[in-house]
Protein backbone atom coordinates (compact mmCIF):
# COMPACT_ATOMS: atom_id res chain seq x y z
CA MET A 1 38.19 96.68 149.40
CA GLN A 2 37.94 95.28 145.89
CA VAL A 3 37.24 91.72 144.74
CA HIS A 4 37.77 90.33 141.28
CA VAL A 5 35.18 87.95 139.91
CA THR A 6 35.55 85.66 136.89
CA LEU A 7 32.44 84.09 135.37
CA TYR A 8 32.41 80.91 133.28
CA GLY A 9 29.72 78.88 131.60
CA ALA A 10 26.17 80.19 131.56
CA LEU A 11 27.02 83.04 133.95
CA ARG A 12 29.43 84.57 131.49
CA VAL A 13 26.87 84.28 128.70
CA VAL A 14 23.98 85.91 130.57
CA ALA A 15 26.11 88.60 132.27
CA GLY A 16 27.65 89.49 128.94
CA ARG A 17 31.12 89.65 130.42
CA GLN A 18 33.70 87.38 132.00
CA LEU A 19 35.52 89.70 134.44
CA ILE A 20 33.86 91.87 137.09
CA HIS A 21 35.57 94.08 139.63
CA LEU A 22 33.45 95.11 142.64
CA THR A 23 34.38 97.58 145.36
CA PHE A 24 33.02 97.46 148.91
CA GLU A 25 33.40 99.92 151.79
CA ALA A 26 34.00 97.18 154.38
CA PRO A 27 37.50 95.71 155.00
CA ALA A 28 36.05 92.18 154.47
CA ILE A 29 32.76 90.73 153.20
CA THR A 30 31.08 87.32 153.11
CA MET A 31 30.49 85.36 149.96
CA GLN A 32 26.76 85.96 150.54
CA GLN A 33 27.35 89.74 150.38
CA LEU A 34 29.23 89.24 147.13
CA LEU A 35 26.36 87.15 145.73
CA ASP A 36 23.91 89.89 146.67
CA ALA A 37 26.04 92.56 144.98
CA LEU A 38 26.45 90.48 141.84
CA VAL A 39 22.74 89.87 141.35
CA THR A 40 21.98 93.51 142.09
CA THR A 41 24.49 94.67 139.48
CA TYR A 42 23.68 91.88 136.95
CA PRO A 43 20.04 90.81 137.56
CA SER A 44 20.10 88.41 134.61
CA ILE A 45 22.43 86.04 136.46
CA ARG A 46 20.11 85.60 139.47
CA ALA A 47 18.49 82.35 138.25
CA TYR A 48 21.88 80.90 137.31
CA LEU A 49 23.86 81.93 140.38
CA LEU A 50 21.26 81.50 143.14
CA ASP A 51 19.05 78.58 144.13
CA SER A 52 15.26 78.48 143.45
CA SER A 53 14.58 80.55 146.62
CA PHE A 54 17.08 83.16 145.33
CA GLN A 55 18.79 83.11 148.73
CA THR A 56 21.89 80.93 148.42
CA LEU A 57 24.34 79.67 145.82
CA HIS A 58 22.79 77.47 143.14
CA PRO A 59 23.54 73.76 143.66
CA ASN A 60 25.13 73.53 140.18
CA ALA A 61 27.51 76.44 140.80
CA ARG A 62 31.17 75.78 141.55
CA VAL A 63 33.28 78.37 143.37
CA GLN A 64 36.98 79.01 143.75
CA ILE A 65 38.60 81.62 145.92
CA ASN A 66 42.14 82.47 144.92
CA GLY A 67 42.34 79.22 142.93
CA GLN A 68 41.11 77.00 145.75
CA ARG A 69 37.79 75.19 145.34
CA VAL A 70 35.25 76.02 148.05
CA PRO A 71 32.85 73.32 149.26
CA HIS A 72 29.32 74.23 148.26
CA SER A 73 28.05 73.68 151.80
CA SER A 74 30.27 76.46 153.21
CA ALA A 75 30.46 78.83 150.22
CA GLY A 76 28.03 81.44 151.61
CA GLN A 77 29.95 81.77 154.85
CA GLN A 78 33.39 82.30 153.30
CA VAL A 79 34.97 85.63 154.22
CA LEU A 80 36.52 87.56 151.35
CA GLN A 81 39.45 89.96 151.71
CA ASP A 82 40.81 92.81 149.59
CA ASN A 83 41.94 91.67 146.13
CA ASP A 84 40.56 88.15 146.46
CA ARG A 85 39.86 86.45 143.15
CA ILE A 86 36.59 84.57 143.00
CA THR A 87 35.67 82.26 140.14
CA PHE A 88 32.16 81.00 139.46
CA LEU A 89 31.38 78.18 137.05
CA VAL A 90 27.88 77.14 136.12
CA PRO A 91 27.25 74.59 133.36
CA HIS A 92 25.47 75.86 130.23
CA SER A 93 22.73 73.24 130.38
CA GLY A 94 20.58 72.45 133.37
CA ALA A 95 21.86 75.40 135.39
CA LYS A 96 18.82 77.67 135.34
CA ALA A 97 16.59 77.51 138.41
CA GLY A 98 12.90 76.92 137.82
């Protein structure tokens, strides 16, 4: 399966790109698996994308799946399917974890 990720704000700046296409062997993955793959592939986004424990989505991050906003509280449990489009937005200021 393949997912298409668009980065905005600080994530785009530190990753050095706006669009990312990731391929997975599984027929579906969780958002947490996507987060893990993103920070493995682009380590510089870890502090912007993940919280201070580097385990879950950063509180300042906003997520959309296929154009629909995902509540922060359930973002990590969302199941992603082939060709889903995921958008992450993190503000430029105040987004970096300490």
